[in-house]
Amino acid sequence: MTALWIAHVNVTDPEAYGEYARLAGPAIAAHGGAFLARGSRYVQLEGKDRARNVVARFPSLEDAVACYRSAEYQAALEHAKGAAERDLVIVEENPA
């Protein structure tokens, strides 16, 4: 069953976060992830507003977690620490 990686982000250091994004994209793709939304227009209806919202689909929940825990993604994540406020959740999709 596929899974969605959903991130809500407020970037505080664009230069450092840009390096994170540059490295994170290939790490996500290497684990079968594909971006569905990445910094697109949005409407905040409830909760804390974060200016950047990202959704990626992975082949499975396990693939998404493996991506997050991978050395490549963790190296990218070092650039996001202190450069953004982030919330990240992985949600398994319901079958059609």
PDB file of N, CA and C in Angstrom:
ATOM      1  N   MET A   1       0.836  -1.170   0.000  1.00  0.00           N
ATOM      2  CA  MET A   1       0.000   0.000   0.000  1.00  0.00           C
ATOM      3  C   MET A   1       0.889   1.244   0.000  1.00  0.00           C
ATOM      4  N   THR A   2       0.575   2.197  -0.852  1.00  0.00           N
ATOM      5  CA  THR A   2       1.386   3.411  -0.945  1.00  0.00           C
ATOM      6  C   THR A   2       1.232   4.272   0.306  1.00  0.00           C
ATOM      7  N   ALA A   3       2.171   5.188   0.477  1.00  0.00           N
ATOM      8  CA  ALA A   3       2.153   6.074   1.638  1.00  0.00           C
ATOM      9  C   ALA A   3       2.518   7.485   1.207  1.00  0.00           C
ATOM     10  N   LEU A   4       1.987   8.452   1.938  1.00  0.00           N
ATOM     11  CA  LEU A   4       2.261   9.861   1.675  1.00  0.00           C
ATOM     12  C   LEU A   4       3.145  10.438   2.768  1.00  0.00           C
ATOM     13  N   TRP A   5       4.166  11.123   2.363  1.00  0.00           N
ATOM     14  CA  TRP A   5       5.089  11.866   3.239  1.00  0.00           C
ATOM     15  C   TRP A   5       4.593  13.298   3.166  1.00  0.00           C
ATOM     16  N   ILE A   6       4.127  13.837   4.270  1.00  0.00           N
ATOM     17  CA  ILE A   6       3.516  15.162   4.290  1.00  0.00           C
ATOM     18  C   ILE A   6       4.322  16.055   5.231  1.00  0.00           C
ATOM     19  N   ALA A   7       4.874  17.118   4.683  1.00  0.00           N
ATOM     20  CA  ALA A   7       5.694  18.044   5.467  1.00  0.00           C
ATOM     21  C   ALA A   7       5.088  19.440   5.397  1.00  0.00           C
ATOM     22  N   HIS A   8       5.046  20.095   6.553  1.00  0.00           N
ATOM     23  CA  HIS A   8       4.629  21.489   6.662  1.00  0.00           C
ATOM     24  C   HIS A   8       5.833  22.243   7.213  1.00  0.00           C
ATOM     25  N   VAL A   9       6.274  23.266   6.481  1.00  0.00           N
ATOM     26  CA  VAL A   9       7.565  23.880   6.775  1.00  0.00           C
ATOM     27  C   VAL A   9       7.471  25.406   6.780  1.00  0.00           C
ATOM     28  N   ASN A  10       8.142  26.010   7.736  1.00  0.00           N
ATOM     29  CA  ASN A  10       8.377  27.448   7.750  1.00  0.00           C
ATOM     30  C   ASN A  10       9.892  27.636   7.665  1.00  0.00           C
ATOM     31  N   VAL A  11      10.377  28.111   6.532  1.00  0.00           N
ATOM     32  CA  VAL A  11      11.813  28.268   6.305  1.00  0.00           C
ATOM     33  C   VAL A  11      12.296  29.543   6.993  1.00  0.00           C
ATOM     34  N   THR A  12      13.349  29.409   7.799  1.00  0.00           N
ATOM     35  CA  THR A  12      13.926  30.567   8.492  1.00  0.00           C
ATOM     36  C   THR A  12      15.299  30.947   7.936  1.00  0.00           C
ATOM     37  N   ASP A  13      15.944  30.031   7.216  1.00  0.00           N
ATOM     38  CA  ASP A  13      17.240  30.292   6.584  1.00  0.00           C
ATOM     39  C   ASP A  13      17.180  29.721   5.164  1.00  0.00           C
ATOM     40  N   PRO A  14      16.764  30.539   4.186  1.00  0.00           N
ATOM     41  CA  PRO A  14      16.566  30.052   2.825  1.00  0.00           C
ATOM     42  C   PRO A  14      17.801  29.413   2.187  1.00  0.00           C
ATOM     43  N   GLU A  15      18.976  29.943   2.466  1.00  0.00           N
ATOM     44  CA  GLU A  15      20.192  29.390   1.859  1.00  0.00           C
ATOM     45  C   GLU A  15      20.451  27.966   2.357  1.00  0.00           C
ATOM     46  N   ALA A  16      20.426  27.774   3.659  1.00  0.00           N
ATOM     47  CA  ALA A  16      20.657  26.440   4.220  1.00  0.00           C
ATOM     48  C   ALA A  16      19.549  25.478   3.817  1.00  0.00           C
ATOM     49  N   TYR A  17      18.313  25.974   3.822  1.00  0.00           N
ATOM     50  CA  TYR A  17      17.205  25.093   3.462  1.00  0.00           C
ATOM     51  C   TYR A  17      17.259  24.731   1.980  1.00  0.00           C
ATOM     52  N   GLY A  18      17.755  25.629   1.167  1.00  0.00           N
ATOM     53  CA  GLY A  18      17.937  25.319  -0.250  1.00  0.00           C
ATOM     54  C   GLY A  18      18.896  24.167  -0.442  1.00  0.00           C
ATOM     55  N   GLU A  19      19.934  24.107   0.363  1.00  0.00           N
ATOM     56  CA  GLU A  19      20.884  22.984   0.287  1.00  0.00           C
ATOM     57  C   GLU A  19      20.207  21.696   0.733  1.00  0.00           C
ATOM     58  N   TYR A  20      19.383  21.776   1.779  1.00  0.00           N
ATOM     59  CA  TYR A  20      18.600  20.606   2.199  1.00  0.00           C
ATOM     60  C   TYR A  20      17.761  20.112   1.023  1.00  0.00           C
ATOM     61  N   ALA A  21      17.004  21.004   0.392  1.00  0.00           N
ATOM     62  CA  ALA A  21      16.116  20.617  -0.708  1.00  0.00           C
ATOM     63  C   ALA A  21      16.895  20.008  -1.867  1.00  0.00           C
ATOM     64  N   ARG A  22      18.056  20.575  -2.163  1.00  0.00           N
ATOM     65  CA  ARG A  22      18.881  20.063  -3.258  1.00  0.00           C
ATOM     66  C   ARG A  22      19.300  18.618  -2.994  1.00  0.00           C
ATOM     67  N   LEU A  23      19.636  18.299  -1.750  1.00  0.00           N
ATOM     68  CA  LEU A  23      20.083  16.946  -1.392  1.00  0.00           C
ATOM     69  C   LEU A  23      18.923  15.992  -1.099  1.00  0.00           C
ATOM     70  N   ALA A  24      17.834  16.521  -0.550  1.00  0.00           N
ATOM     71  CA  ALA A  24      16.712  15.667  -0.164  1.00  0.00           C
ATOM     72  C   ALA A  24      15.987  15.089  -1.377  1.00  0.00           C
ATOM     73  N   GLY A  25      15.850  15.869  -2.435  1.00  0.00           N
ATOM     74  CA  GLY A  25      15.134  15.398  -3.631  1.00  0.00           C
ATOM     75  C   GLY A  25      15.681  14.085  -4.175  1.00  0.00           C
ATOM     76  N   PRO A  26      16.987  13.996  -4.428  1.00  0.00           N
ATOM     77  CA  PRO A  26      17.547  12.739  -4.922  1.00  0.00           C
ATOM     78  C   PRO A  26      17.418  11.588  -3.915  1.00  0.00           C
ATOM     79  N   ALA A  27      17.522  11.878  -2.627  1.00  0.00           N
ATOM     80  CA  ALA A  27      17.376  10.831  -1.607  1.00  0.00           C
ATOM     81  C   ALA A  27      15.959  10.280  -1.622  1.00  0.00           C
ATOM     82  N   ILE A  28      14.991  11.159  -1.754  1.00  0.00           N
ATOM     83  CA  ILE A  28      13.589  10.737  -1.816  1.00  0.00           C
ATOM     84  C   ILE A  28      13.348   9.911  -3.074  1.00  0.00           C
ATOM     85  N   ALA A  29      13.836  10.373  -4.201  1.00  0.00           N
ATOM     86  CA  ALA A  29      13.666   9.628  -5.462  1.00  0.00           C
ATOM     87  C   ALA A  29      14.331   8.257  -5.399  1.00  0.00           C
ATOM     88  N   ALA A  30      15.480   8.174  -4.747  1.00  0.00           N
ATOM     89  CA  ALA A  30      16.207   6.899  -4.652  1.00  0.00           C
ATOM     90  C   ALA A  30      15.420   5.852  -3.867  1.00  0.00           C
ATOM     91  N   HIS A  31      14.469   6.297  -3.057  1.00  0.00           N
ATOM     92  CA  HIS A  31      13.653   5.366  -2.277  1.00  0.00           C
ATOM     93  C   HIS A  31      12.250   5.215  -2.863  1.00  0.00           C
ATOM     94  N   GLY A  32      12.096   5.605  -4.114  1.00  0.00           N
ATOM     95  CA  GLY A  32      10.823   5.429  -4.813  1.00  0.00           C
ATOM     96  C   GLY A  32       9.831   6.553  -4.589  1.00  0.00           C
ATOM     97  N   GLY A  33      10.258   7.640  -3.943  1.00  0.00           N
ATOM     98  CA  GLY A  33       9.362   8.756  -3.677  1.00  0.00           C
ATOM     99  C   GLY A  33       9.187   9.643  -4.894  1.00  0.00           C
ATOM    100  N   ALA A  34       7.983  10.153  -5.067  1.00  0.00           N
ATOM    101  CA  ALA A  34       7.669  11.085  -6.148  1.00  0.00           C
ATOM    102  C   ALA A  34       6.881  12.246  -5.561  1.00  0.00           C
ATOM    103  N   PHE A  35       7.277  13.458  -5.881  1.00  0.00           N
ATOM    104  CA  PHE A  35       6.601  14.635  -5.348  1.00  0.00           C
ATOM    105  C   PHE A  35       5.245  14.835  -6.014  1.00  0.00           C
ATOM    106  N   LEU A  36       4.226  15.040  -5.197  1.00  0.00           N
ATOM    107  CA  LEU A  36       2.888  15.371  -5.674  1.00  0.00           C
ATOM    108  C   LEU A  36       2.629  16.863  -5.520  1.00  0.00           C
ATOM    109  N   ALA A  37       3.195  17.455  -4.483  1.00  0.00           N
ATOM    110  CA  ALA A  37       3.090  18.894  -4.249  1.00  0.00           C
ATOM    111  C   ALA A  37       4.378  19.334  -3.555  1.00  0.00           C
ATOM    112  N   ARG A  38       4.888  20.460  -3.979  1.00  0.00           N
ATOM    113  CA  ARG A  38       6.148  20.951  -3.417  1.00  0.00           C
ATOM    114  C   ARG A  38       6.162  22.469  -3.504  1.00  0.00           C
ATOM    115  N   GLY A  39       5.701  23.116  -2.428  1.00  0.00           N
ATOM    116  CA  GLY A  39       5.669  24.576  -2.419  1.00  0.00           C
ATOM    117  C   GLY A  39       4.557  25.149  -3.275  1.00  0.00           C
ATOM    118  N   SER A  40       3.527  24.362  -3.546  1.00  0.00           N
ATOM    119  CA  SER A  40       2.407  24.814  -4.381  1.00  0.00           C
ATOM    120  C   SER A  40       1.491  25.760  -3.609  1.00  0.00           C
ATOM    121  N   ARG A  41       0.570  26.356  -4.334  1.00  0.00           N
ATOM    122  CA  ARG A  41      -0.456  27.189  -3.687  1.00  0.00           C
ATOM    123  C   ARG A  41      -1.239  26.336  -2.704  1.00  0.00           C
ATOM    124  N   TYR A  42      -1.723  26.974  -1.649  1.00  0.00           N
ATOM    125  CA  TYR A  42      -2.501  26.250  -0.640  1.00  0.00           C
ATOM    126  C   TYR A  42      -3.432  27.217   0.069  1.00  0.00           C
ATOM    127  N   VAL A  43      -4.379  26.658   0.805  1.00  0.00           N
ATOM    128  CA  VAL A  43      -5.277  27.428   1.656  1.00  0.00           C
ATOM    129  C   VAL A  43      -5.212  26.799   3.036  1.00  0.00           C
ATOM    130  N   GLN A  44      -4.834  27.571   4.028  1.00  0.00           N
ATOM    131  CA  GLN A  44      -4.756  27.089   5.415  1.00  0.00           C
ATOM    132  C   GLN A  44      -6.131  27.247   6.043  1.00  0.00           C
ATOM    133  N   LEU A  45      -6.750  26.154   6.428  1.00  0.00           N
ATOM    134  CA  LEU A  45      -8.088  26.212   7.007  1.00  0.00           C
ATOM    135  C   LEU A  45      -8.084  26.043   8.525  1.00  0.00           C
ATOM    136  N   GLU A  46      -7.158  25.238   9.048  1.00  0.00           N
ATOM    137  CA  GLU A  46      -7.071  25.012  10.488  1.00  0.00           C
ATOM    138  C   GLU A  46      -5.613  24.812  10.860  1.00  0.00           C
ATOM    139  N   GLY A  47      -5.300  24.975  12.135  1.00  0.00           N
ATOM    140  CA  GLY A  47      -3.963  24.695  12.636  1.00  0.00           C
ATOM    141  C   GLY A  47      -2.959  25.774  12.298  1.00  0.00           C
ATOM    142  N   LYS A  48      -1.708  25.456  12.605  1.00  0.00           N
ATOM    143  CA  LYS A  48      -0.605  26.398  12.419  1.00  0.00           C
ATOM    144  C   LYS A  48      -0.224  26.495  10.949  1.00  0.00           C
ATOM    145  N   ASP A  49      -0.173  27.708  10.454  1.00  0.00           N
ATOM    146  CA  ASP A  49       0.185  27.940   9.052  1.00  0.00           C
ATOM    147  C   ASP A  49       1.689  27.803   8.869  1.00  0.00           C
ATOM    148  N   ARG A  50       2.085  27.026   7.888  1.00  0.00           N
ATOM    149  CA  ARG A  50       3.482  26.906   7.468  1.00  0.00           C
ATOM    150  C   ARG A  50       3.505  27.227   5.980  1.00  0.00           C
ATOM    151  N   ALA A  51       4.384  28.100   5.572  1.00  0.00           N
ATOM    152  CA  ALA A  51       4.360  28.635   4.208  1.00  0.00           C
ATOM    153  C   ALA A  51       4.724  27.616   3.129  1.00  0.00           C
ATOM    154  N   ARG A  52       5.408  26.531   3.497  1.00  0.00           N
ATOM    155  CA  ARG A  52       5.816  25.539   2.503  1.00  0.00           C
ATOM    156  C   ARG A  52       5.210  24.197   2.883  1.00  0.00           C
ATOM    157  N   ASN A  53       4.537  23.570   1.927  1.00  0.00           N
ATOM    158  CA  ASN A  53       3.896  22.273   2.141  1.00  0.00           C
ATOM    159  C   ASN A  53       4.364  21.329   1.048  1.00  0.00           C
ATOM    160  N   VAL A  54       4.762  20.130   1.477  1.00  0.00           N
ATOM    161  CA  VAL A  54       5.314  19.152   0.540  1.00  0.00           C
ATOM    162  C   VAL A  54       4.611  17.819   0.749  1.00  0.00           C
ATOM    163  N   VAL A  55       4.214  17.190  -0.361  1.00  0.00           N
ATOM    164  CA  VAL A  55       3.623  15.854  -0.319  1.00  0.00           C
ATOM    165  C   VAL A  55       4.369  14.995  -1.328  1.00  0.00           C
ATOM    166  N   ALA A  56       4.855  13.851  -0.866  1.00  0.00           N
ATOM    167  CA  ALA A  56       5.512  12.884  -1.751  1.00  0.00           C
ATOM    168  C   ALA A  56       4.862  11.528  -1.538  1.00  0.00           C
ATOM    169  N   ARG A  57       4.712  10.777  -2.609  1.00  0.00           N
ATOM    170  CA  ARG A  57       4.149   9.423  -2.532  1.00  0.00           C
ATOM    171  C   ARG A  57       5.281   8.414  -2.620  1.00  0.00           C
ATOM    172  N   PHE A  58       5.243   7.421  -1.744  1.00  0.00           N
ATOM    173  CA  PHE A  58       6.205   6.322  -1.724  1.00  0.00           C
ATOM    174  C   PHE A  58       5.477   5.007  -1.996  1.00  0.00           C
ATOM    175  N   PRO A  59       6.186   4.000  -2.489  1.00  0.00           N
ATOM    176  CA  PRO A  59       5.557   2.705  -2.743  1.00  0.00           C
ATOM    177  C   PRO A  59       4.935   2.078  -1.488  1.00  0.00           C
ATOM    178  N   SER A  60       5.499   2.376  -0.318  1.00  0.00           N
ATOM    179  CA  SER A  60       4.968   1.803   0.922  1.00  0.00           C
ATOM    180  C   SER A  60       5.375   2.683   2.104  1.00  0.00           C
ATOM    181  N   LEU A  61       4.723   2.468   3.223  1.00  0.00           N
ATOM    182  CA  LEU A  61       5.091   3.149   4.466  1.00  0.00           C
ATOM    183  C   LEU A  61       6.534   2.818   4.828  1.00  0.00           C
ATOM    184  N   GLU A  62       6.900   1.569   4.647  1.00  0.00           N
ATOM    185  CA  GLU A  62       8.254   1.121   4.974  1.00  0.00           C
ATOM    186  C   GLU A  62       9.298   1.815   4.106  1.00  0.00           C
ATOM    187  N   ASP A  63       8.997   2.025   2.823  1.00  0.00           N
ATOM    188  CA  ASP A  63       9.931   2.741   1.939  1.00  0.00           C
ATOM    189  C   ASP A  63      10.107   4.190   2.391  1.00  0.00           C
ATOM    190  N   ALA A  64       9.017   4.822   2.812  1.00  0.00           N
ATOM    191  CA  ALA A  64       9.096   6.209   3.265  1.00  0.00           C
ATOM    192  C   ALA A  64       9.922   6.324   4.542  1.00  0.00           C
ATOM    193  N   VAL A  65       9.716   5.408   5.472  1.00  0.00           N
ATOM    194  CA  VAL A  65      10.489   5.421   6.719  1.00  0.00           C
ATOM    195  C   VAL A  65      11.954   5.118   6.427  1.00  0.00           C
ATOM    196  N   ALA A  66      12.214   4.165   5.533  1.00  0.00           N
ATOM    197  CA  ALA A  66      13.598   3.834   5.160  1.00  0.00           C
ATOM    198  C   ALA A  66      14.282   5.039   4.544  1.00  0.00           C
ATOM    199  N   CYS A  67      13.560   5.804   3.746  1.00  0.00           N
ATOM    200  CA  CYS A  67      14.122   7.022   3.162  1.00  0.00           C
ATOM    201  C   CYS A  67      14.520   7.991   4.261  1.00  0.00           C
ATOM    202  N   TYR A  68      13.612   8.236   5.189  1.00  0.00           N
ATOM    203  CA  TYR A  68      13.899   9.181   6.270  1.00  0.00           C
ATOM    204  C   TYR A  68      15.130   8.759   7.059  1.00  0.00           C
ATOM    205  N   ARG A  69      15.265   7.481   7.300  1.00  0.00           N
ATOM    206  CA  ARG A  69      16.371   6.965   8.110  1.00  0.00           C
ATOM    207  C   ARG A  69      17.657   6.755   7.322  1.00  0.00           C
ATOM    208  N   SER A  70      17.617   6.906   6.007  1.00  0.00           N
ATOM    209  CA  SER A  70      18.792   6.650   5.170  1.00  0.00           C
ATOM    210  C   SER A  70      19.898   7.670   5.426  1.00  0.00           C
ATOM    211  N   ALA A  71      21.121   7.247   5.181  1.00  0.00           N
ATOM    212  CA  ALA A  71      22.273   8.137   5.346  1.00  0.00           C
ATOM    213  C   ALA A  71      22.158   9.360   4.442  1.00  0.00           C
ATOM    214  N   GLU A  72      21.649   9.162   3.214  1.00  0.00           N
ATOM    215  CA  GLU A  72      21.530  10.267   2.259  1.00  0.00           C
ATOM    216  C   GLU A  72      20.546  11.323   2.761  1.00  0.00           C
ATOM    217  N   TYR A  73      19.398  10.877   3.244  1.00  0.00           N
ATOM    218  CA  TYR A  73      18.406  11.845   3.716  1.00  0.00           C
ATOM    219  C   TYR A  73      18.872  12.507   5.010  1.00  0.00           C
ATOM    220  N   GLN A  74      19.478  11.751   5.889  1.00  0.00           N
ATOM    221  CA  GLN A  74      19.963  12.332   7.141  1.00  0.00           C
ATOM    222  C   GLN A  74      21.037  13.388   6.875  1.00  0.00           C
ATOM    223  N   ALA A  75      21.865  13.172   5.848  1.00  0.00           N
ATOM    224  CA  ALA A  75      22.864  14.179   5.474  1.00  0.00           C
ATOM    225  C   ALA A  75      22.170  15.451   4.986  1.00  0.00           C
ATOM    226  N   ALA A  76      21.106  15.290   4.208  1.00  0.00           N
ATOM    227  CA  ALA A  76      20.343  16.451   3.750  1.00  0.00           C
ATOM    228  C   ALA A  76      19.688  17.156   4.929  1.00  0.00           C
ATOM    229  N   LEU A  77      19.136  16.382   5.850  1.00  0.00           N
ATOM    230  CA  LEU A  77      18.416  16.921   6.992  1.00  0.00           C
ATOM    231  C   LEU A  77      19.296  17.797   7.882  1.00  0.00           C
ATOM    232  N   GLU A  78      20.583  17.530   7.898  1.00  0.00           N
ATOM    233  CA  GLU A  78      21.503  18.367   8.680  1.00  0.00           C
ATOM    234  C   GLU A  78      21.404  19.836   8.272  1.00  0.00           C
ATOM    235  N   HIS A  79      21.121  20.091   6.987  1.00  0.00           N
ATOM    236  CA  HIS A  79      21.011  21.464   6.487  1.00  0.00           C
ATOM    237  C   HIS A  79      19.691  22.117   6.885  1.00  0.00           C
ATOM    238  N   ALA A  80      18.667  21.308   7.172  1.00  0.00           N
ATOM    239  CA  ALA A  80      17.363  21.845   7.560  1.00  0.00           C
ATOM    240  C   ALA A  80      17.317  22.199   9.043  1.00  0.00           C
ATOM    241  N   LYS A  81      18.147  21.531   9.840  1.00  0.00           N
ATOM    242  CA  LYS A  81      18.155  21.796  11.283  1.00  0.00           C
ATOM    243  C   LYS A  81      18.599  23.229  11.530  1.00  0.00           C
ATOM    244  N   GLY A  82      17.782  23.980  12.237  1.00  0.00           N
ATOM    245  CA  GLY A  82      18.077  25.380  12.496  1.00  0.00           C
ATOM    246  C   GLY A  82      17.727  26.299  11.334  1.00  0.00           C
ATOM    247  N   ALA A  83      17.305  25.720  10.206  1.00  0.00           N
ATOM    248  CA  ALA A  83      16.971  26.516   9.033  1.00  0.00           C
ATOM    249  C   ALA A  83      15.470  26.529   8.757  1.00  0.00           C
ATOM    250  N   ALA A  84      14.720  25.760   9.560  1.00  0.00           N
ATOM    251  CA  ALA A  84      13.280  25.680   9.339  1.00  0.00           C
ATOM    252  C   ALA A  84      12.580  25.091  10.551  1.00  0.00           C
ATOM    253  N   GLU A  85      11.308  25.468  10.691  1.00  0.00           N
ATOM    254  CA  GLU A  85      10.417  24.799  11.620  1.00  0.00           C
ATOM    255  C   GLU A  85       9.631  23.810  10.773  1.00  0.00           C
ATOM    256  N   ARG A  86       9.623  22.534  11.165  1.00  0.00           N
ATOM    257  CA  ARG A  86       9.028  21.502  10.316  1.00  0.00           C
ATOM    258  C   ARG A  86       8.143  20.550  11.106  1.00  0.00           C
ATOM    259  N   ASP A  87       7.102  20.107  10.453  1.00  0.00           N
ATOM    260  CA  ASP A  87       6.312  18.980  10.911  1.00  0.00           C
ATOM    261  C   ASP A  87       6.323  17.988   9.760  1.00  0.00           C
ATOM    262  N   LEU A  88       6.534  16.715  10.069  1.00  0.00           N
ATOM    263  CA  LEU A  88       6.579  15.683   9.033  1.00  0.00           C
ATOM    264  C   LEU A  88       5.822  14.467   9.527  1.00  0.00           C
ATOM    265  N   VAL A  89       4.933  13.966   8.704  1.00  0.00           N
ATOM    266  CA  VAL A  89       4.180  12.757   9.027  1.00  0.00           C
ATOM    267  C   VAL A  89       4.143  11.873   7.778  1.00  0.00           C
ATOM    268  N   ILE A  90       4.135  10.577   7.996  1.00  0.00           N
ATOM    269  CA  ILE A  90       3.976   9.616   6.906  1.00  0.00           C
ATOM    270  C   ILE A  90       2.655   8.902   7.140  1.00  0.00           C
ATOM    271  N   VAL A  91       1.788   8.907   6.130  1.00  0.00           N
ATOM    272  CA  VAL A  91       0.446   8.342   6.253  1.00  0.00           C
ATOM    273  C   VAL A  91       0.236   7.315   5.153  1.00  0.00           C
ATOM    274  N   GLU A  92      -0.175   6.120   5.553  1.00  0.00           N
ATOM    275  CA  GLU A  92      -0.475   5.095   4.559  1.00  0.00           C
ATOM    276  C   GLU A  92      -1.782   5.471   3.845  1.00  0.00           C
ATOM    277  N   GLU A  93      -1.779   5.338   2.530  1.00  0.00           N
ATOM    278  CA  GLU A  93      -2.974   5.658   1.753  1.00  0.00           C
ATOM    279  C   GLU A  93      -3.996   4.533   1.863  1.00  0.00           C
ATOM    280  N   ASN A  94      -5.255   4.908   1.793  1.00  0.00           N
ATOM    281  CA  ASN A  94      -6.320   3.911   1.758  1.00  0.00           C
ATOM    282  C   ASN A  94      -6.394   3.312   0.362  1.00  0.00           C
ATOM    283  N   PRO A  95      -6.709   2.030   0.269  1.00  0.00           N
ATOM    284  CA  PRO A  95      -6.854   1.451  -1.071  1.00  0.00           C
ATOM    285  C   PRO A  95      -8.032   2.080  -1.798  1.00  0.00           C
ATOM    286  N   ALA A  96      -7.906   2.163  -3.097  1.00  0.00           N
ATOM    287  CA  ALA A  96      -8.964   2.797  -3.913  1.00  0.00           C
ATOM    288  C   ALA A  96     -10.255   2.003  -3.895  1.00  0.00           C
TER     289      ALA A  96
END
